[in-house]
PDB file of N, CA and C in Angstrom:
ATOM      1  N   UNK A   1     -11.451  51.169 -33.620  1.00  0.00           N
ATOM      2  CA  UNK A   1     -11.498  49.682 -33.576  1.00  0.00           C
ATOM      3  C   UNK A   1      -9.626  49.482 -33.515  1.00  0.00           C
ATOM      4  N   UNK A   2      -9.474  50.151 -34.757  1.00  0.00           N
ATOM      5  CA  UNK A   2      -7.799  49.961 -35.470  1.00  0.00           C
ATOM      6  C   UNK A   2      -6.996  50.162 -33.869  1.00  0.00           C
ATOM      7  N   UNK A   3      -7.306  51.864 -33.242  1.00  0.00           N
ATOM      8  CA  UNK A   3      -6.390  52.001 -32.459  1.00  0.00           C
ATOM      9  C   UNK A   3      -6.524  50.919 -31.191  1.00  0.00           C
ATOM     10  N   UNK A   4      -7.294  50.441 -30.810  1.00  0.00           N
ATOM     11  CA  UNK A   4      -7.268  49.474 -29.759  1.00  0.00           C
ATOM     12  C   UNK A   4      -6.793  48.189 -30.207  1.00  0.00           C
ATOM     13  N   UNK A   5      -6.949  47.895 -31.240  1.00  0.00           N
ATOM     14  CA  UNK A   5      -6.105  46.975 -31.523  1.00  0.00           C
ATOM     15  C   UNK A   5      -4.585  46.443 -31.299  1.00  0.00           C
ATOM     16  N   UNK A   6      -4.040  48.593 -31.872  1.00  0.00           N
ATOM     17  CA  UNK A   6      -2.872  48.746 -32.423  1.00  0.00           C
ATOM     18  C   UNK A   6      -2.729  49.015 -30.129  1.00  0.00           C
ATOM     19  N   UNK A   7      -2.851  49.321 -29.694  1.00  0.00           N
ATOM     20  CA  UNK A   7      -2.400  49.202 -28.308  1.00  0.00           C
ATOM     21  C   UNK A   7      -2.569  48.316 -27.743  1.00  0.00           C
ATOM     22  N   UNK A   8      -3.396  47.104 -27.680  1.00  0.00           N
ATOM     23  CA  UNK A   8      -3.175  45.591 -27.509  1.00  0.00           C
ATOM     24  C   UNK A   8      -1.874  45.208 -27.875  1.00  0.00           C
ATOM     25  N   UNK A   9      -1.590  45.249 -28.868  1.00  0.00           N
ATOM     26  CA  UNK A   9      -0.225  44.565 -29.898  1.00  0.00           C
ATOM     27  C   UNK A   9       0.576  45.318 -29.244  1.00  0.00           C
ATOM     28  N   UNK A  10       1.004  46.769 -28.620  1.00  0.00           N
ATOM     29  CA  UNK A  10       1.218  47.347 -28.061  1.00  0.00           C
ATOM     30  C   UNK A  10       1.881  46.761 -26.744  1.00  0.00           C
ATOM     31  N   UNK A  11       0.731  46.655 -25.959  1.00  0.00           N
ATOM     32  CA  UNK A  11       0.921  46.073 -24.308  1.00  0.00           C
ATOM     33  C   UNK A  11       1.254  44.745 -24.343  1.00  0.00           C
ATOM     34  N   UNK A  12       0.782  44.076 -25.631  1.00  0.00           N
ATOM     35  CA  UNK A  12       1.766  42.194 -25.243  1.00  0.00           C
ATOM     36  C   UNK A  12       3.085  42.238 -25.733  1.00  0.00           C
ATOM     37  N   UNK A  13       3.350  43.049 -26.660  1.00  0.00           N
ATOM     38  CA  UNK A  13       4.840  43.167 -26.959  1.00  0.00           C
ATOM     39  C   UNK A  13       5.668  43.820 -25.960  1.00  0.00           C
ATOM     40  N   UNK A  14       4.840  44.719 -25.164  1.00  0.00           N
ATOM     41  CA  UNK A  14       5.794  45.695 -23.742  1.00  0.00           C
ATOM     42  C   UNK A  14       6.323  44.247 -22.907  1.00  0.00           C
ATOM     43  N   UNK A  15       4.994  43.356 -22.643  1.00  0.00           N
ATOM     44  CA  UNK A  15       4.896  42.090 -21.915  1.00  0.00           C
ATOM     45  C   UNK A  15       5.598  41.582 -22.268  1.00  0.00           C
ATOM     46  N   UNK A  16       6.122  41.014 -23.573  1.00  0.00           N
ATOM     47  CA  UNK A  16       6.894  40.327 -23.861  1.00  0.00           C
ATOM     48  C   UNK A  16       8.222  40.548 -23.512  1.00  0.00           C
ATOM     49  N   UNK A  17       8.296  41.976 -23.679  1.00  0.00           N
ATOM     50  CA  UNK A  17      10.164  42.678 -23.826  1.00  0.00           C
ATOM     51  C   UNK A  17      10.467  41.993 -22.258  1.00  0.00           C
ATOM     52  N   UNK A  18       9.187  42.626 -21.467  1.00  0.00           N
ATOM     53  CA  UNK A  18       9.589  42.477 -20.044  1.00  0.00           C
ATOM     54  C   UNK A  18       9.992  41.518 -19.336  1.00  0.00           C
ATOM     55  N   UNK A  19       9.578  40.444 -19.815  1.00  0.00           N
ATOM     56  CA  UNK A  19       9.719  39.020 -19.667  1.00  0.00           C
ATOM     57  C   UNK A  19      10.955  38.732 -19.875  1.00  0.00           C
ATOM     58  N   UNK A  20      11.249  39.196 -21.801  1.00  0.00           N
ATOM     59  CA  UNK A  20      12.569  38.394 -22.320  1.00  0.00           C
ATOM     60  C   UNK A  20      13.666  39.346 -20.852  1.00  0.00           C
ATOM     61  N   UNK A  21      13.419  40.813 -20.286  1.00  0.00           N
ATOM     62  CA  UNK A  21      14.497  41.425 -19.537  1.00  0.00           C
ATOM     63  C   UNK A  21      14.641  40.356 -18.697  1.00  0.00           C
ATOM     64  N   UNK A  22      13.628  40.444 -17.673  1.00  0.00           N
ATOM     65  CA  UNK A  22      13.322  39.638 -16.369  1.00  0.00           C
ATOM     66  C   UNK A  22      14.540  38.533 -16.876  1.00  0.00           C
ATOM     67  N   UNK A  23      14.539  37.318 -17.879  1.00  0.00           N
ATOM     68  CA  UNK A  23      14.759  36.398 -18.145  1.00  0.00           C
ATOM     69  C   UNK A  23      17.056  36.531 -18.220  1.00  0.00           C
ATOM     70  N   UNK A  24      16.406  37.524 -18.839  1.00  0.00           N
ATOM     71  CA  UNK A  24      18.223  38.053 -19.425  1.00  0.00           C
ATOM     72  C   UNK A  24      19.271  38.441 -17.742  1.00  0.00           C
ATOM     73  N   UNK A  25      18.386  39.139 -17.033  1.00  0.00           N
ATOM     74  CA  UNK A  25      18.919  39.709 -16.031  1.00  0.00           C
ATOM     75  C   UNK A  25      19.268  38.426 -15.031  1.00  0.00           C
ATOM     76  N   UNK A  26      18.778  37.361 -15.302  1.00  0.00           N
ATOM     77  CA  UNK A  26      19.368  36.449 -14.674  1.00  0.00           C
ATOM     78  C   UNK A  26      20.727  35.722 -15.059  1.00  0.00           C
ATOM     79  N   UNK A  27      21.570  35.817 -15.825  1.00  0.00           N
ATOM     80  CA  UNK A  27      22.650  36.049 -16.464  1.00  0.00           C
ATOM     81  C   UNK A  27      23.544  36.834 -16.794  1.00  0.00           C
ATOM     82  N   UNK A  28      23.152  38.554 -16.157  1.00  0.00           N
ATOM     83  CA  UNK A  28      24.023  39.467 -16.382  1.00  0.00           C
ATOM     84  C   UNK A  28      24.726  39.331 -15.381  1.00  0.00           C
ATOM     85  N   UNK A  29      25.608  39.564 -14.877  1.00  0.00           N
ATOM     86  CA  UNK A  29      26.703  40.030 -13.601  1.00  0.00           C
ATOM     87  C   UNK A  29      27.161  41.287 -13.683  1.00  0.00           C
ATOM     88  N   UNK A  30      26.670  41.501 -12.000  1.00  0.00           N
ATOM     89  CA  UNK A  30      27.687  42.790 -11.838  1.00  0.00           C
ATOM     90  C   UNK A  30      28.400  42.680 -10.688  1.00  0.00           C
ATOM     91  N   UNK A  31      29.995  43.782 -10.795  1.00  0.00           N
ATOM     92  CA  UNK A  31      30.636  43.228  -9.213  1.00  0.00           C
ATOM     93  C   UNK A  31      30.267  44.699  -8.689  1.00  0.00           C
ATOM     94  N   UNK A  32      30.290  44.179  -7.340  1.00  0.00           N
ATOM     95  CA  UNK A  32      30.130  45.607  -6.689  1.00  0.00           C
ATOM     96  C   UNK A  32      31.616  45.680  -5.579  1.00  0.00           C
ATOM     97  N   UNK A  33      32.419  46.352  -5.689  1.00  0.00           N
ATOM     98  CA  UNK A  33      33.841  46.867  -4.727  1.00  0.00           C
ATOM     99  C   UNK A  33      33.404  48.127  -3.702  1.00  0.00           C
ATOM    100  N   UNK A  34      34.406  47.506  -2.535  1.00  0.00           N
ATOM    101  CA  UNK A  34      34.707  48.672  -2.065  1.00  0.00           C
ATOM    102  C   UNK A  34      36.509  48.252  -1.154  1.00  0.00           C
ATOM    103  N   UNK A  35      36.788  48.600  -0.920  1.00  0.00           N
ATOM    104  CA  UNK A  35      38.176  49.390   0.132  1.00  0.00           C
ATOM    105  C   UNK A  35      38.955  49.182  -1.188  1.00  0.00           C
ATOM    106  N   UNK A  36      38.720  50.009  -2.245  1.00  0.00           N
ATOM    107  CA  UNK A  36      39.516  49.883  -3.230  1.00  0.00           C
ATOM    108  C   UNK A  36      39.809  48.516  -3.872  1.00  0.00           C
ATOM    109  N   UNK A  37      38.587  47.613  -4.116  1.00  0.00           N
ATOM    110  CA  UNK A  37      38.642  46.629  -4.434  1.00  0.00           C
ATOM    111  C   UNK A  37      39.306  45.181  -3.767  1.00  0.00           C
ATOM    112  N   UNK A  38      39.528  45.291  -2.720  1.00  0.00           N
ATOM    113  CA  UNK A  38      39.881  44.241  -1.590  1.00  0.00           C
ATOM    114  C   UNK A  38      38.562  43.322  -1.294  1.00  0.00           C
ATOM    115  N   UNK A  39      37.272  43.550  -1.747  1.00  0.00           N
ATOM    116  CA  UNK A  39      36.513  43.290  -1.683  1.00  0.00           C
ATOM    117  C   UNK A  39      35.367  43.623  -3.065  1.00  0.00           C
ATOM    118  N   UNK A  40      34.700  42.472  -3.218  1.00  0.00           N
ATOM    119  CA  UNK A  40      34.219  42.349  -4.413  1.00  0.00           C
ATOM    120  C   UNK A  40      33.172  41.419  -4.847  1.00  0.00           C
ATOM    121  N   UNK A  41      32.003  41.277  -4.916  1.00  0.00           N
ATOM    122  CA  UNK A  41      30.699  40.533  -4.338  1.00  0.00           C
ATOM    123  C   UNK A  41      30.090  40.891  -5.858  1.00  0.00           C
ATOM    124  N   UNK A  42      29.891  39.966  -6.518  1.00  0.00           N
ATOM    125  CA  UNK A  42      29.060  39.418  -7.978  1.00  0.00           C
ATOM    126  C   UNK A  42      27.644  38.955  -7.456  1.00  0.00           C
ATOM    127  N   UNK A  43      26.798  39.812  -8.436  1.00  0.00           N
ATOM    128  CA  UNK A  43      25.367  39.737  -8.467  1.00  0.00           C
ATOM    129  C   UNK A  43      24.815  39.748  -9.709  1.00  0.00           C
ATOM    130  N   UNK A  44      23.804  39.051 -10.150  1.00  0.00           N
ATOM    131  CA  UNK A  44      23.568  38.660 -11.154  1.00  0.00           C
ATOM    132  C   UNK A  44      22.085  39.862 -11.192  1.00  0.00           C
ATOM    133  N   UNK A  45      21.763  40.155 -12.371  1.00  0.00           N
ATOM    134  CA  UNK A  45      20.795  41.270 -12.284  1.00  0.00           C
ATOM    135  C   UNK A  45      19.324  41.616 -11.736  1.00  0.00           C
ATOM    136  N   UNK A  46      19.193  40.650 -11.155  1.00  0.00           N
ATOM    137  CA  UNK A  46      18.081  40.460 -10.171  1.00  0.00           C
ATOM    138  C   UNK A  46      18.619  40.805  -8.941  1.00  0.00           C
ATOM    139  N   UNK A  47      19.825  41.292  -8.748  1.00  0.00           N
ATOM    140  CA  UNK A  47      20.905  41.511  -7.210  1.00  0.00           C
ATOM    141  C   UNK A  47      20.623  40.501  -6.366  1.00  0.00           C
ATOM    142  N   UNK A  48      20.645  38.927  -6.943  1.00  0.00           N
ATOM    143  CA  UNK A  48      20.847  37.692  -6.371  1.00  0.00           C
ATOM    144  C   UNK A  48      22.513  37.331  -6.289  1.00  0.00           C
ATOM    145  N   UNK A  49      22.938  37.468  -4.591  1.00  0.00           N
ATOM    146  CA  UNK A  49      24.660  37.148  -5.022  1.00  0.00           C
ATOM    147  C   UNK A  49      25.047  35.773  -5.510  1.00  0.00           C
ATOM    148  N   UNK A  50      26.119  35.932  -6.263  1.00  0.00           N
ATOM    149  CA  UNK A  50      26.707  35.198  -6.906  1.00  0.00           C
ATOM    150  C   UNK A  50      27.652  34.123  -6.063  1.00  0.00           C
ATOM    151  N   UNK A  51      28.968  35.285  -5.874  1.00  0.00           N
ATOM    152  CA  UNK A  51      30.217  35.122  -5.093  1.00  0.00           C
ATOM    153  C   UNK A  51      30.421  36.509  -4.806  1.00  0.00           C
ATOM    154  N   UNK A  52      31.449  36.330  -3.613  1.00  0.00           N
ATOM    155  CA  UNK A  52      32.779  37.076  -3.219  1.00  0.00           C
ATOM    156  C   UNK A  52      33.859  36.963  -2.919  1.00  0.00           C
ATOM    157  N   UNK A  53      34.536  37.594  -3.236  1.00  0.00           N
ATOM    158  CA  UNK A  53      36.391  37.797  -2.952  1.00  0.00           C
ATOM    159  C   UNK A  53      36.565  38.587  -1.942  1.00  0.00           C
ATOM    160  N   UNK A  54      37.696  38.187  -1.295  1.00  0.00           N
ATOM    161  CA  UNK A  54      37.906  38.719   0.069  1.00  0.00           C
ATOM    162  C   UNK A  54      39.332  38.703  -0.275  1.00  0.00           C
ATOM    163  N   UNK A  55      40.005  40.130  -0.024  1.00  0.00           N
ATOM    164  CA  UNK A  55      41.628  39.571  -0.462  1.00  0.00           C
ATOM    165  C   UNK A  55      42.339  39.387   0.759  1.00  0.00           C
ATOM    166  N   UNK A  56      43.127  38.512   1.196  1.00  0.00           N
ATOM    167  CA  UNK A  56      43.164  37.862   2.047  1.00  0.00           C
ATOM    168  C   UNK A  56      44.373  38.907   3.024  1.00  0.00           C
ATOM    169  N   UNK A  57      44.590  40.436   2.479  1.00  0.00           N
ATOM    170  CA  UNK A  57      45.202  41.361   3.665  1.00  0.00           C
ATOM    171  C   UNK A  57      44.170  41.875   4.607  1.00  0.00           C
ATOM    172  N   UNK A  58      42.392  41.372   3.913  1.00  0.00           N
ATOM    173  CA  UNK A  58      41.651  41.720   4.817  1.00  0.00           C
ATOM    174  C   UNK A  58      41.202  40.595   5.872  1.00  0.00           C
ATOM    175  N   UNK A  59      41.862  39.201   5.600  1.00  0.00           N
ATOM    176  CA  UNK A  59      41.497  38.621   6.827  1.00  0.00           C
ATOM    177  C   UNK A  59      42.493  38.556   8.539  1.00  0.00           C
ATOM    178  N   UNK A  60      42.195  39.145   9.018  1.00  0.00           N
ATOM    179  CA  UNK A  60      43.090  39.567  10.101  1.00  0.00           C
ATOM    180  C   UNK A  60      42.149  39.532  11.278  1.00  0.00           C
ATOM    181  N   UNK A  61      42.292  39.593  12.461  1.00  0.00           N
ATOM    182  CA  UNK A  61      41.346  39.483  13.232  1.00  0.00           C
ATOM    183  C   UNK A  61      40.819  40.826  13.937  1.00  0.00           C
ATOM    184  N   UNK A  62      41.930  41.866  14.170  1.00  0.00           N
ATOM    185  CA  UNK A  62      41.501  42.865  14.472  1.00  0.00           C
ATOM    186  C   UNK A  62      40.723  43.318  13.682  1.00  0.00           C
ATOM    187  N   UNK A  63      40.580  43.361  12.283  1.00  0.00           N
ATOM    188  CA  UNK A  63      40.083  43.964  11.639  1.00  0.00           C
ATOM    189  C   UNK A  63      38.727  43.497  11.292  1.00  0.00           C
ATOM    190  N   UNK A  64      38.132  42.949  11.760  1.00  0.00           N
ATOM    191  CA  UNK A  64      36.607  41.900  11.665  1.00  0.00           C
ATOM    192  C   UNK A  64      35.813  42.856  10.964  1.00  0.00           C
ATOM    193  N   UNK A  65      36.004  44.526  11.907  1.00  0.00           N
ATOM    194  CA  UNK A  65      34.684  44.976  12.071  1.00  0.00           C
ATOM    195  C   UNK A  65      34.845  45.974  10.447  1.00  0.00           C
ATOM    196  N   UNK A  66      36.286  46.348  10.573  1.00  0.00           N
ATOM    197  CA  UNK A  66      36.036  46.527   8.816  1.00  0.00           C
ATOM    198  C   UNK A  66      35.897  46.173   7.751  1.00  0.00           C
ATOM    199  N   UNK A  67      36.581  44.493   7.564  1.00  0.00           N
ATOM    200  CA  UNK A  67      35.886  43.975   7.164  1.00  0.00           C
ATOM    201  C   UNK A  67      34.108  43.962   6.411  1.00  0.00           C
ATOM    202  N   UNK A  68      33.263  43.917   8.042  1.00  0.00           N
ATOM    203  CA  UNK A  68      32.076  43.286   7.556  1.00  0.00           C
ATOM    204  C   UNK A  68      31.596  44.619   7.082  1.00  0.00           C
ATOM    205  N   UNK A  69      32.273  46.123   7.043  1.00  0.00           N
ATOM    206  CA  UNK A  69      31.476  47.353   6.895  1.00  0.00           C
ATOM    207  C   UNK A  69      32.019  47.405   5.386  1.00  0.00           C
ATOM    208  N   UNK A  70      33.075  46.525   4.349  1.00  0.00           N
ATOM    209  CA  UNK A  70      33.662  46.977   3.276  1.00  0.00           C
ATOM    210  C   UNK A  70      32.605  45.163   2.855  1.00  0.00           C
ATOM    211  N   UNK A  71      32.088  44.584   3.323  1.00  0.00           N
ATOM    212  CA  UNK A  71      31.474  43.542   2.854  1.00  0.00           C
ATOM    213  C   UNK A  71      30.061  44.361   2.255  1.00  0.00           C
ATOM    214  N   UNK A  72      29.181  44.909   3.764  1.00  0.00           N
ATOM    215  CA  UNK A  72      27.874  45.815   3.187  1.00  0.00           C
ATOM    216  C   UNK A  72      28.135  46.610   2.209  1.00  0.00           C
ATOM    217  N   UNK A  73      29.618  47.461   2.125  1.00  0.00           N
ATOM    218  CA  UNK A  73      29.244  48.427   1.115  1.00  0.00           C
ATOM    219  C   UNK A  73      29.283  47.739  -0.202  1.00  0.00           C
ATOM    220  N   UNK A  74      29.957  46.591  -0.423  1.00  0.00           N
ATOM    221  CA  UNK A  74      30.056  45.804  -1.540  1.00  0.00           C
ATOM    222  C   UNK A  74      28.947  45.615  -1.948  1.00  0.00           C
ATOM    223  N   UNK A  75      27.900  44.945  -0.997  1.00  0.00           N
ATOM    224  CA  UNK A  75      26.808  44.768  -1.366  1.00  0.00           C
ATOM    225  C   UNK A  75      26.190  46.081  -1.725  1.00  0.00           C
ATOM    226  N   UNK A  76      26.198  46.807  -1.041  1.00  0.00           N
ATOM    227  CA  UNK A  76      25.411  47.962  -1.266  1.00  0.00           C
ATOM    228  C   UNK A  76      25.529  48.635  -3.545  1.00  0.00           C
ATOM    229  N   UNK A  77      27.047  48.377  -3.377  1.00  0.00           N
ATOM    230  CA  UNK A  77      27.759  49.013  -4.484  1.00  0.00           C
ATOM    231  C   UNK A  77      27.098  47.978  -5.587  1.00  0.00           C
ATOM    232  N   UNK A  78      26.532  46.817  -5.458  1.00  0.00           N
ATOM    233  CA  UNK A  78      26.201  45.892  -6.459  1.00  0.00           C
ATOM    234  C   UNK A  78      25.109  46.092  -6.598  1.00  0.00           C
ATOM    235  N   UNK A  79      24.351  46.280  -5.421  1.00  0.00           N
ATOM    236  CA  UNK A  79      22.702  46.890  -5.467  1.00  0.00           C
ATOM    237  C   UNK A  79      22.521  47.722  -6.340  1.00  0.00           C
ATOM    238  N   UNK A  80      23.439  48.750  -6.161  1.00  0.00           N
ATOM    239  CA  UNK A  80      22.829  50.248  -7.002  1.00  0.00           C
ATOM    240  C   UNK A  80      23.412  49.968  -8.342  1.00  0.00           C
ATOM    241  N   UNK A  81      24.701  49.023  -8.968  1.00  0.00           N
ATOM    242  CA  UNK A  81      24.806  48.992 -10.351  1.00  0.00           C
ATOM    243  C   UNK A  81      23.437  48.019 -11.177  1.00  0.00           C
ATOM    244  N   UNK A  82      22.774  47.425  -9.789  1.00  0.00           N
ATOM    245  CA  UNK A  82      21.552  46.243 -10.586  1.00  0.00           C
ATOM    246  C   UNK A  82      20.593  47.607 -10.547  1.00  0.00           C
ATOM    247  N   UNK A  83      19.943  48.297 -10.031  1.00  0.00           N
ATOM    248  CA  UNK A  83      19.388  48.980  -9.874  1.00  0.00           C
ATOM    249  C   UNK A  83      18.842  49.588 -11.611  1.00  0.00           C
ATOM    250  N   UNK A  84      20.521  50.459 -11.727  1.00  0.00           N
ATOM    251  CA  UNK A  84      21.001  51.235 -12.874  1.00  0.00           C
ATOM    252  C   UNK A  84      20.464  50.500 -14.157  1.00  0.00           C
ATOM    253  N   UNK A  85      21.335  48.887 -14.106  1.00  0.00           N
ATOM    254  CA  UNK A  85      20.977  47.996 -15.359  1.00  0.00           C
ATOM    255  C   UNK A  85      19.908  47.968 -15.631  1.00  0.00           C
ATOM    256  N   UNK A  86      19.012  47.680 -14.325  1.00  0.00           N
ATOM    257  CA  UNK A  86      17.408  47.604 -14.804  1.00  0.00           C
ATOM    258  C   UNK A  86      16.960  48.727 -15.139  1.00  0.00           C
ATOM    259  N   UNK A  87      16.972  49.689 -14.649  1.00  0.00           N
ATOM    260  CA  UNK A  87      16.441  51.224 -15.362  1.00  0.00           C
ATOM    261  C   UNK A  87      17.089  51.422 -17.001  1.00  0.00           C
ATOM    262  N   UNK A  88      18.398  51.086 -17.346  1.00  0.00           N
ATOM    263  CA  UNK A  88      18.447  51.689 -18.347  1.00  0.00           C
ATOM    264  C   UNK A  88      18.241  50.560 -19.268  1.00  0.00           C
ATOM    265  N   UNK A  89      18.245  48.806 -19.263  1.00  0.00           N
ATOM    266  CA  UNK A  89      17.498  48.436 -19.949  1.00  0.00           C
ATOM    267  C   UNK A  89      16.004  48.597 -20.336  1.00  0.00           C
ATOM    268  N   UNK A  90      15.012  49.034 -19.324  1.00  0.00           N
ATOM    269  CA  UNK A  90      13.764  49.054 -19.051  1.00  0.00           C
ATOM    270  C   UNK A  90      13.763  50.179 -19.850  1.00  0.00           C
ATOM    271  N   UNK A  91      14.324  51.824 -20.109  1.00  0.00           N
ATOM    272  CA  UNK A  91      14.275  52.550 -20.462  1.00  0.00           C
ATOM    273  C   UNK A  91      14.332  52.283 -22.213  1.00  0.00           C
ATOM    274  N   UNK A  92      15.424  51.751 -22.631  1.00  0.00           N
ATOM    275  CA  UNK A  92      15.649  51.272 -23.749  1.00  0.00           C
ATOM    276  C   UNK A  92      14.337  50.723 -23.959  1.00  0.00           C
ATOM    277  N   UNK A  93      13.736  49.812 -23.761  1.00  0.00           N
ATOM    278  CA  UNK A  93      12.628  48.917 -24.394  1.00  0.00           C
ATOM    279  C   UNK A  93      11.283  49.234 -24.369  1.00  0.00           C
ATOM    280  N   UNK A  94      11.045  50.613 -23.117  1.00  0.00           N
ATOM    281  CA  UNK A  94      10.062  51.732 -23.116  1.00  0.00           C
ATOM    282  C   UNK A  94      10.548  52.376 -25.011  1.00  0.00           C
ATOM    283  N   UNK A  95      11.657  53.243 -24.836  1.00  0.00           N
ATOM    284  CA  UNK A  95      11.773  54.280 -26.000  1.00  0.00           C
ATOM    285  C   UNK A  95      11.198  53.556 -27.449  1.00  0.00           C
ATOM    286  N   UNK A  96      12.189  51.901 -27.769  1.00  0.00           N
ATOM    287  CA  UNK A  96      11.831  51.346 -28.777  1.00  0.00           C
ATOM    288  C   UNK A  96      10.327  51.022 -29.190  1.00  0.00           C
ATOM    289  N   UNK A  97       9.948  51.010 -27.977  1.00  0.00           N
ATOM    290  CA  UNK A  97       8.323  50.250 -27.669  1.00  0.00           C
ATOM    291  C   UNK A  97       7.121  51.824 -28.762  1.00  0.00           C
ATOM    292  N   UNK A  98       7.961  53.066 -28.084  1.00  0.00           N
ATOM    293  CA  UNK A  98       7.555  54.456 -28.170  1.00  0.00           C
ATOM    294  C   UNK A  98       7.858  54.901 -29.764  1.00  0.00           C
ATOM    295  N   UNK A  99       9.094  54.606 -29.815  1.00  0.00           N
ATOM    296  CA  UNK A  99       9.375  54.997 -31.289  1.00  0.00           C
ATOM    297  C   UNK A  99      10.177  56.090 -30.896  1.00  0.00           C
ATOM    298  N   UNK A 100      10.689  56.336 -30.044  1.00  0.00           N
ATOM    299  CA  UNK A 100      11.549  57.291 -29.691  1.00  0.00           C
ATOM    300  C   UNK A 100      12.740  56.551 -29.123  1.00  0.00           C
ATOM    301  N   UNK A 101      13.794  57.964 -29.322  1.00  0.00           N
ATOM    302  CA  UNK A 101      15.629  57.572 -29.205  1.00  0.00           C
ATOM    303  C   UNK A 101      15.950  58.359 -27.812  1.00  0.00           C
TER     304      UNK A 101
END
């Protein structure tokens, strides 16, 4: 019976920590970049776009296609950083719960 209680306690602790992680991720800001930093897209830890910065040198009519490609690249960079951050934080929580380093 003690093992079952221990497992239930661990499951509740994991659920509490994962809920806290989800709340924390709303406040994490990650910046995806492309074009050598000329395009920057800021997202939160949930991957929601917060802002975009475009260097004025990119705002030329004949470079619209390049600009669009760079915005997509910055979005993908930001998404990748979000996935890495979530994976690292989840791994840390799981390590703490299982007592592993």
